[in-house]
Amino acid sequence: MTGLIIATHGNLAEEFLQACSTIIGPLAMARSIAIRREDAVEEIRGRLAAAIEEVGGDGHGVLIMTDMFGGTPANLSLTFLDPGKVEVLTGVNLPMILKFFNTQENLSLVERAALVKAYGQQGITLASEFLTK
């Protein structure tokens, strides 16, 4: 099973997983990494490495979702980028996480990451535009 790590500024990652769990139930192979201003870079890298090992141990790959491209969570996650084994996807939102858990396991890590990215983009809606169609 593809593992999931959500790494964000502050407690956002944990809150995303709790919200997702409220909607679909217990989550397997998922970890959150909260990054705070006072955290040392090597400490964060250590937590990311441990989480990758924990959720990616079965060899199906790990998808790391972060809150924004260019931020510390994304920058440090990119140091673990290993195509086919560890992928990094930025701009995490709740629809992306739900899609991750509701996607068939027969997709490769790259295919799954692309599907989750597209689904997250589709989840952004300006209600007034949608309702006038």
N, C-alpha and C. Protein backbone atom coordinates (compact mmCIF):
# COMPACT_ATOMS: atom_id res chain seq x y z
N MET A 1 0.84 -1.18 0.00
CA MET A 1 0.00 0.00 0.00
C MET A 1 0.89 1.24 0.00
N THR A 2 0.56 2.19 -0.85
CA THR A 2 1.30 3.45 -0.89
C THR A 2 1.12 4.18 0.44
N GLY A 3 2.21 4.64 0.99
CA GLY A 3 2.16 5.39 2.24
C GLY A 3 1.93 6.87 1.98
N LEU A 4 1.37 7.54 2.96
CA LEU A 4 1.10 8.97 2.86
C LEU A 4 1.70 9.69 4.05
N ILE A 5 2.42 10.76 3.75
CA ILE A 5 2.91 11.68 4.78
C ILE A 5 2.40 13.06 4.41
N ILE A 6 1.84 13.73 5.38
CA ILE A 6 1.45 15.12 5.17
C ILE A 6 2.35 15.96 6.07
N ALA A 7 3.10 16.87 5.47
CA ALA A 7 4.02 17.74 6.19
C ALA A 7 3.61 19.19 5.96
N THR A 8 3.35 19.90 7.05
CA THR A 8 2.86 21.28 6.92
C THR A 8 3.44 22.17 8.00
N HIS A 9 3.25 23.44 7.81
CA HIS A 9 3.56 24.41 8.86
C HIS A 9 2.53 24.20 9.98
N GLY A 10 2.98 24.13 11.21
CA GLY A 10 2.07 23.98 12.35
C GLY A 10 1.31 22.66 12.31
N ASN A 11 0.16 22.64 12.95
CA ASN A 11 -0.62 21.41 13.13
C ASN A 11 -1.58 21.10 11.99
N LEU A 12 -1.47 21.82 10.89
CA LEU A 12 -2.39 21.62 9.78
C LEU A 12 -2.42 20.17 9.30
N ALA A 13 -1.26 19.53 9.22
CA ALA A 13 -1.19 18.15 8.73
C ALA A 13 -2.02 17.22 9.61
N GLU A 14 -1.86 17.32 10.91
CA GLU A 14 -2.62 16.47 11.83
C GLU A 14 -4.11 16.74 11.72
N GLU A 15 -4.47 18.00 11.58
CA GLU A 15 -5.89 18.34 11.45
C GLU A 15 -6.47 17.78 10.16
N PHE A 16 -5.70 17.80 9.08
CA PHE A 16 -6.17 17.20 7.82
C PHE A 16 -6.46 15.71 8.02
N LEU A 17 -5.53 15.00 8.66
CA LEU A 17 -5.74 13.56 8.86
C LEU A 17 -6.93 13.29 9.79
N GLN A 18 -7.11 14.12 10.80
CA GLN A 18 -8.25 13.92 11.69
C GLN A 18 -9.56 14.19 10.95
N ALA A 19 -9.59 15.23 10.13
CA ALA A 19 -10.81 15.52 9.35
C ALA A 19 -11.11 14.38 8.39
N CYS A 20 -10.07 13.86 7.74
CA CYS A 20 -10.25 12.75 6.80
C CYS A 20 -10.76 11.51 7.54
N SER A 21 -10.18 11.26 8.70
CA SER A 21 -10.61 10.11 9.51
C SER A 21 -12.07 10.26 9.95
N THR A 22 -12.49 11.46 10.22
CA THR A 22 -13.89 11.71 10.60
C THR A 22 -14.82 11.33 9.45
N ILE A 23 -14.38 11.57 8.23
CA ILE A 23 -15.22 11.32 7.05
C ILE A 23 -15.20 9.85 6.64
N ILE A 24 -14.01 9.24 6.57
CA ILE A 24 -13.93 7.88 6.01
C ILE A 24 -13.52 6.80 7.01
N GLY A 25 -13.20 7.18 8.23
CA GLY A 25 -12.84 6.17 9.22
C GLY A 25 -11.33 6.07 9.41
N PRO A 26 -10.89 5.02 10.08
CA PRO A 26 -9.46 4.88 10.39
C PRO A 26 -8.60 4.90 9.13
N LEU A 27 -7.43 5.52 9.25
CA LEU A 27 -6.51 5.66 8.13
C LEU A 27 -5.29 4.79 8.38
N ALA A 28 -4.89 4.05 7.36
CA ALA A 28 -3.71 3.21 7.48
C ALA A 28 -2.56 3.84 6.70
N MET A 29 -1.36 3.59 7.12
CA MET A 29 -0.15 4.01 6.41
C MET A 29 -0.10 5.52 6.17
N ALA A 30 -0.50 6.30 7.15
CA ALA A 30 -0.47 7.76 7.02
C ALA A 30 0.13 8.38 8.27
N ARG A 31 0.96 9.38 8.07
CA ARG A 31 1.57 10.10 9.18
C ARG A 31 1.53 11.59 8.90
N SER A 32 1.52 12.38 9.96
CA SER A 32 1.59 13.84 9.83
C SER A 32 2.90 14.33 10.42
N ILE A 33 3.41 15.38 9.83
CA ILE A 33 4.62 16.04 10.33
C ILE A 33 4.27 17.52 10.50
N ALA A 34 4.30 17.98 11.74
CA ALA A 34 4.07 19.40 12.04
C ALA A 34 5.42 20.09 12.15
N ILE A 35 5.59 21.15 11.39
CA ILE A 35 6.86 21.86 11.40
C ILE A 35 6.65 23.24 12.01
N ARG A 36 7.44 23.50 13.03
CA ARG A 36 7.32 24.77 13.74
C ARG A 36 8.58 25.60 13.52
N ARG A 37 8.44 26.88 13.73
CA ARG A 37 9.55 27.82 13.51
C ARG A 37 10.80 27.41 14.27
N GLU A 38 10.64 26.90 15.49
CA GLU A 38 11.79 26.59 16.33
C GLU A 38 12.44 25.23 16.02
N ASP A 39 11.85 24.44 15.14
CA ASP A 39 12.40 23.12 14.81
C ASP A 39 13.69 23.26 14.00
N ALA A 40 14.68 22.48 14.36
CA ALA A 40 15.94 22.46 13.61
C ALA A 40 15.77 21.65 12.33
N VAL A 41 16.47 22.06 11.29
CA VAL A 41 16.36 21.41 9.99
C VAL A 41 16.67 19.91 10.11
N GLU A 42 17.73 19.56 10.79
CA GLU A 42 18.08 18.14 10.90
C GLU A 42 17.05 17.34 11.68
N GLU A 43 16.41 17.98 12.65
CA GLU A 43 15.33 17.31 13.40
C GLU A 43 14.15 17.01 12.46
N ILE A 44 13.81 17.98 11.65
CA ILE A 44 12.70 17.79 10.71
C ILE A 44 13.05 16.70 9.70
N ARG A 45 14.26 16.76 9.17
CA ARG A 45 14.70 15.73 8.22
C ARG A 45 14.65 14.34 8.86
N GLY A 46 15.02 14.27 10.13
CA GLY A 46 14.96 12.99 10.84
C GLY A 46 13.53 12.48 10.98
N ARG A 47 12.61 13.39 11.27
CA ARG A 47 11.21 12.98 11.39
C ARG A 47 10.66 12.53 10.05
N LEU A 48 11.03 13.25 8.98
CA LEU A 48 10.58 12.84 7.64
C LEU A 48 11.15 11.47 7.27
N ALA A 49 12.43 11.27 7.52
CA ALA A 49 13.06 9.98 7.20
C ALA A 49 12.40 8.84 7.97
N ALA A 50 12.12 9.07 9.24
CA ALA A 50 11.48 8.03 10.05
C ALA A 50 10.07 7.73 9.53
N ALA A 51 9.35 8.77 9.16
CA ALA A 51 7.98 8.57 8.65
C ALA A 51 8.01 7.83 7.31
N ILE A 52 8.95 8.18 6.44
CA ILE A 52 9.07 7.48 5.15
C ILE A 52 9.34 6.00 5.39
N GLU A 53 10.23 5.71 6.30
CA GLU A 53 10.54 4.32 6.62
C GLU A 53 9.32 3.60 7.18
N GLU A 54 8.57 4.30 8.02
CA GLU A 54 7.42 3.69 8.68
C GLU A 54 6.28 3.38 7.70
N VAL A 55 5.94 4.32 6.83
CA VAL A 55 4.78 4.11 5.96
C VAL A 55 5.16 3.54 4.59
N GLY A 56 6.45 3.50 4.30
CA GLY A 56 6.88 3.00 2.99
C GLY A 56 7.60 1.68 3.06
N GLY A 57 7.52 1.04 4.17
CA GLY A 57 8.27 -0.19 4.38
C GLY A 57 7.91 -1.34 3.47
N ASP A 58 6.70 -1.31 2.88
CA ASP A 58 6.30 -2.45 2.04
C ASP A 58 6.72 -2.29 0.58
N GLY A 59 7.39 -1.19 0.24
CA GLY A 59 7.93 -1.02 -1.11
C GLY A 59 6.99 -0.47 -2.16
N HIS A 60 5.78 -0.03 -1.77
CA HIS A 60 4.84 0.53 -2.73
C HIS A 60 4.98 2.04 -2.90
N GLY A 61 5.93 2.63 -2.24
CA GLY A 61 6.19 4.05 -2.39
C GLY A 61 5.49 4.90 -1.35
N VAL A 62 5.92 6.16 -1.32
CA VAL A 62 5.40 7.11 -0.34
C VAL A 62 5.09 8.41 -1.08
N LEU A 63 3.91 8.93 -0.83
CA LEU A 63 3.54 10.25 -1.33
C LEU A 63 3.60 11.23 -0.16
N ILE A 64 4.42 12.27 -0.32
CA ILE A 64 4.48 13.33 0.69
C ILE A 64 3.69 14.51 0.16
N MET A 65 2.67 14.92 0.90
CA MET A 65 1.90 16.11 0.55
C MET A 65 2.31 17.23 1.49
N THR A 66 2.54 18.41 0.93
CA THR A 66 2.91 19.57 1.74
C THR A 66 1.95 20.71 1.46
N ASP A 67 2.00 21.73 2.33
CA ASP A 67 1.03 22.80 2.19
C ASP A 67 1.32 23.76 1.05
N MET A 68 2.59 24.08 0.79
CA MET A 68 2.85 25.01 -0.31
C MET A 68 4.25 24.82 -0.86
N PHE A 69 4.36 24.98 -2.18
CA PHE A 69 5.65 24.87 -2.82
C PHE A 69 6.53 26.03 -2.37
N GLY A 70 7.77 25.73 -2.05
CA GLY A 70 8.70 26.77 -1.63
C GLY A 70 8.80 26.96 -0.13
N GLY A 71 7.88 26.37 0.63
CA GLY A 71 7.94 26.46 2.08
C GLY A 71 8.87 25.39 2.65
N THR A 72 9.19 25.52 3.92
CA THR A 72 10.10 24.58 4.57
C THR A 72 9.62 23.13 4.45
N PRO A 73 8.34 22.82 4.68
CA PRO A 73 7.92 21.41 4.53
C PRO A 73 8.20 20.87 3.13
N ALA A 74 7.92 21.65 2.12
CA ALA A 74 8.16 21.19 0.74
C ALA A 74 9.66 21.11 0.46
N ASN A 75 10.39 22.14 0.85
CA ASN A 75 11.83 22.15 0.57
C ASN A 75 12.54 20.96 1.20
N LEU A 76 12.20 20.65 2.44
CA LEU A 76 12.85 19.51 3.10
C LEU A 76 12.33 18.18 2.54
N SER A 77 11.07 18.13 2.17
CA SER A 77 10.53 16.91 1.56
C SER A 77 11.20 16.62 0.23
N LEU A 78 11.52 17.67 -0.52
CA LEU A 78 12.15 17.48 -1.82
C LEU A 78 13.52 16.82 -1.71
N THR A 79 14.15 16.91 -0.55
CA THR A 79 15.45 16.24 -0.40
C THR A 79 15.29 14.72 -0.38
N PHE A 80 14.04 14.23 -0.22
CA PHE A 80 13.76 12.79 -0.23
C PHE A 80 13.16 12.33 -1.55
N LEU A 81 12.94 13.26 -2.48
CA LEU A 81 12.34 12.91 -3.76
C LEU A 81 13.16 11.82 -4.44
N ASP A 82 12.47 10.74 -4.80
CA ASP A 82 13.11 9.60 -5.45
C ASP A 82 12.06 9.01 -6.39
N PRO A 83 12.04 9.45 -7.65
CA PRO A 83 10.96 9.05 -8.57
C PRO A 83 10.65 7.55 -8.53
N GLY A 84 9.36 7.28 -8.37
CA GLY A 84 8.91 5.90 -8.29
C GLY A 84 8.90 5.35 -6.88
N LYS A 85 9.62 6.04 -5.97
CA LYS A 85 9.67 5.58 -4.57
C LYS A 85 9.12 6.62 -3.61
N VAL A 86 9.53 7.86 -3.77
CA VAL A 86 9.03 8.95 -2.93
C VAL A 86 8.68 10.11 -3.86
N GLU A 87 7.42 10.53 -3.82
CA GLU A 87 6.96 11.66 -4.64
C GLU A 87 6.49 12.77 -3.70
N VAL A 88 6.62 14.01 -4.15
CA VAL A 88 6.22 15.17 -3.34
C VAL A 88 5.16 15.94 -4.12
N LEU A 89 4.05 16.22 -3.46
CA LEU A 89 2.93 16.95 -4.06
C LEU A 89 2.58 18.10 -3.14
N THR A 90 2.59 19.32 -3.66
CA THR A 90 2.33 20.50 -2.81
C THR A 90 0.89 20.98 -2.99
N GLY A 91 0.47 21.87 -2.10
CA GLY A 91 -0.88 22.44 -2.16
C GLY A 91 -1.94 21.53 -1.60
N VAL A 92 -1.61 20.75 -0.61
CA VAL A 92 -2.55 19.76 -0.07
C VAL A 92 -3.87 20.40 0.35
N ASN A 93 -4.95 19.69 0.04
CA ASN A 93 -6.27 20.07 0.54
C ASN A 93 -7.05 18.79 0.86
N LEU A 94 -8.17 18.95 1.54
CA LEU A 94 -8.91 17.77 2.01
C LEU A 94 -9.39 16.87 0.87
N PRO A 95 -9.90 17.41 -0.24
CA PRO A 95 -10.29 16.51 -1.34
C PRO A 95 -9.13 15.64 -1.85
N MET A 96 -7.92 16.19 -1.85
CA MET A 96 -6.76 15.40 -2.30
C MET A 96 -6.52 14.21 -1.38
N ILE A 97 -6.63 14.44 -0.09
CA ILE A 97 -6.38 13.37 0.88
C ILE A 97 -7.46 12.30 0.77
N LEU A 98 -8.70 12.74 0.64
CA LEU A 98 -9.80 11.78 0.49
C LEU A 98 -9.61 10.94 -0.77
N LYS A 99 -9.20 11.58 -1.87
CA LYS A 99 -8.98 10.85 -3.12
C LYS A 99 -7.84 9.84 -2.96
N PHE A 100 -6.80 10.24 -2.25
CA PHE A 100 -5.67 9.33 -2.01
C PHE A 100 -6.19 8.03 -1.39
N PHE A 101 -7.02 8.14 -0.39
CA PHE A 101 -7.50 6.94 0.32
C PHE A 101 -8.59 6.21 -0.44
N ASN A 102 -9.24 6.86 -1.40
CA ASN A 102 -10.31 6.22 -2.16
C ASN A 102 -9.86 5.82 -3.56
N THR A 103 -8.57 5.71 -3.78
CA THR A 103 -8.02 5.33 -5.08
C THR A 103 -7.59 3.87 -5.04
N GLN A 104 -7.83 3.18 -6.14
CA GLN A 104 -7.44 1.78 -6.23
C GLN A 104 -5.93 1.62 -6.07
N GLU A 105 -5.54 0.54 -5.49
CA GLU A 105 -4.12 0.29 -5.22
C GLU A 105 -3.34 -0.13 -6.46
N ASN A 106 -4.02 -0.36 -7.59
CA ASN A 106 -3.30 -0.85 -8.76
C ASN A 106 -2.57 0.24 -9.53
N LEU A 107 -2.62 1.47 -9.08
CA LEU A 107 -1.91 2.57 -9.72
C LEU A 107 -0.48 2.65 -9.19
N SER A 108 0.43 3.07 -10.07
CA SER A 108 1.80 3.31 -9.60
C SER A 108 1.80 4.58 -8.74
N LEU A 109 2.89 4.79 -8.05
CA LEU A 109 3.00 5.99 -7.21
C LEU A 109 2.84 7.25 -8.06
N VAL A 110 3.48 7.29 -9.22
CA VAL A 110 3.41 8.47 -10.09
C VAL A 110 1.98 8.67 -10.60
N GLU A 111 1.31 7.59 -11.01
CA GLU A 111 -0.07 7.70 -11.49
C GLU A 111 -1.00 8.16 -10.37
N ARG A 112 -0.80 7.64 -9.20
CA ARG A 112 -1.64 8.01 -8.06
C ARG A 112 -1.43 9.47 -7.69
N ALA A 113 -0.17 9.91 -7.69
CA ALA A 113 0.13 11.31 -7.36
C ALA A 113 -0.51 12.25 -8.38
N ALA A 114 -0.45 11.89 -9.66
CA ALA A 114 -1.06 12.73 -10.71
C ALA A 114 -2.58 12.78 -10.55
N LEU A 115 -3.19 11.64 -10.23
CA LEU A 115 -4.64 11.60 -10.03
C LEU A 115 -5.04 12.47 -8.84
N VAL A 116 -4.31 12.36 -7.75
CA VAL A 116 -4.62 13.15 -6.54
C VAL A 116 -4.43 14.64 -6.84
N LYS A 117 -3.39 14.99 -7.59
CA LYS A 117 -3.16 16.40 -7.95
C LYS A 117 -4.34 16.94 -8.75
N ALA A 118 -4.78 16.20 -9.76
CA ALA A 118 -5.90 16.64 -10.60
C ALA A 118 -7.17 16.77 -9.77
N TYR A 119 -7.40 15.84 -8.87
CA TYR A 119 -8.60 15.87 -8.04
C TYR A 119 -8.58 17.08 -7.12
N GLY A 120 -7.40 17.39 -6.58
CA GLY A 120 -7.28 18.57 -5.71
C GLY A 120 -7.57 19.85 -6.46
N GLN A 121 -7.10 19.93 -7.69
CA GLN A 121 -7.36 21.12 -8.50
C GLN A 121 -8.85 21.25 -8.82
N GLN A 122 -9.51 20.12 -9.06
CA GLN A 122 -10.94 20.14 -9.34
C GLN A 122 -11.75 20.54 -8.11
N GLY A 123 -11.16 20.36 -6.92
CA GLY A 123 -11.86 20.68 -5.67
C GLY A 123 -11.87 22.15 -5.36
N ILE A 124 -11.20 22.96 -6.17
CA ILE A 124 -11.18 24.41 -5.94
C ILE A 124 -12.30 25.02 -6.77
N THR A 125 -13.26 25.60 -6.10
CA THR A 125 -14.44 26.11 -6.78
C THR A 125 -14.80 27.49 -6.24
N LEU A 126 -15.07 28.41 -7.14
CA LEU A 126 -15.65 29.69 -6.77
C LEU A 126 -17.16 29.50 -6.89
N ALA A 127 -17.82 29.48 -5.77
CA ALA A 127 -19.23 29.09 -5.72
C ALA A 127 -20.10 29.92 -6.66
N SER A 128 -19.86 31.21 -6.76
CA SER A 128 -20.71 32.05 -7.63
C SER A 128 -20.55 31.66 -9.09
N GLU A 129 -19.38 31.28 -9.51
CA GLU A 129 -19.19 30.82 -10.89
C GLU A 129 -19.88 29.49 -11.11
N PHE A 130 -19.77 28.60 -10.15
CA PHE A 130 -20.37 27.27 -10.26
C PHE A 130 -21.89 27.35 -10.29
N LEU A 131 -22.46 28.20 -9.44
CA LEU A 131 -23.91 28.27 -9.32
C LEU A 131 -24.58 29.00 -10.48
N THR A 132 -23.84 29.80 -11.24
CA THR A 132 -24.44 30.51 -12.37
C THR A 132 -24.40 29.71 -13.66
N LYS A 133 -23.78 28.55 -13.66
CA LYS A 133 -23.70 27.72 -14.87
C LYS A 133 -25.01 27.02 -15.11
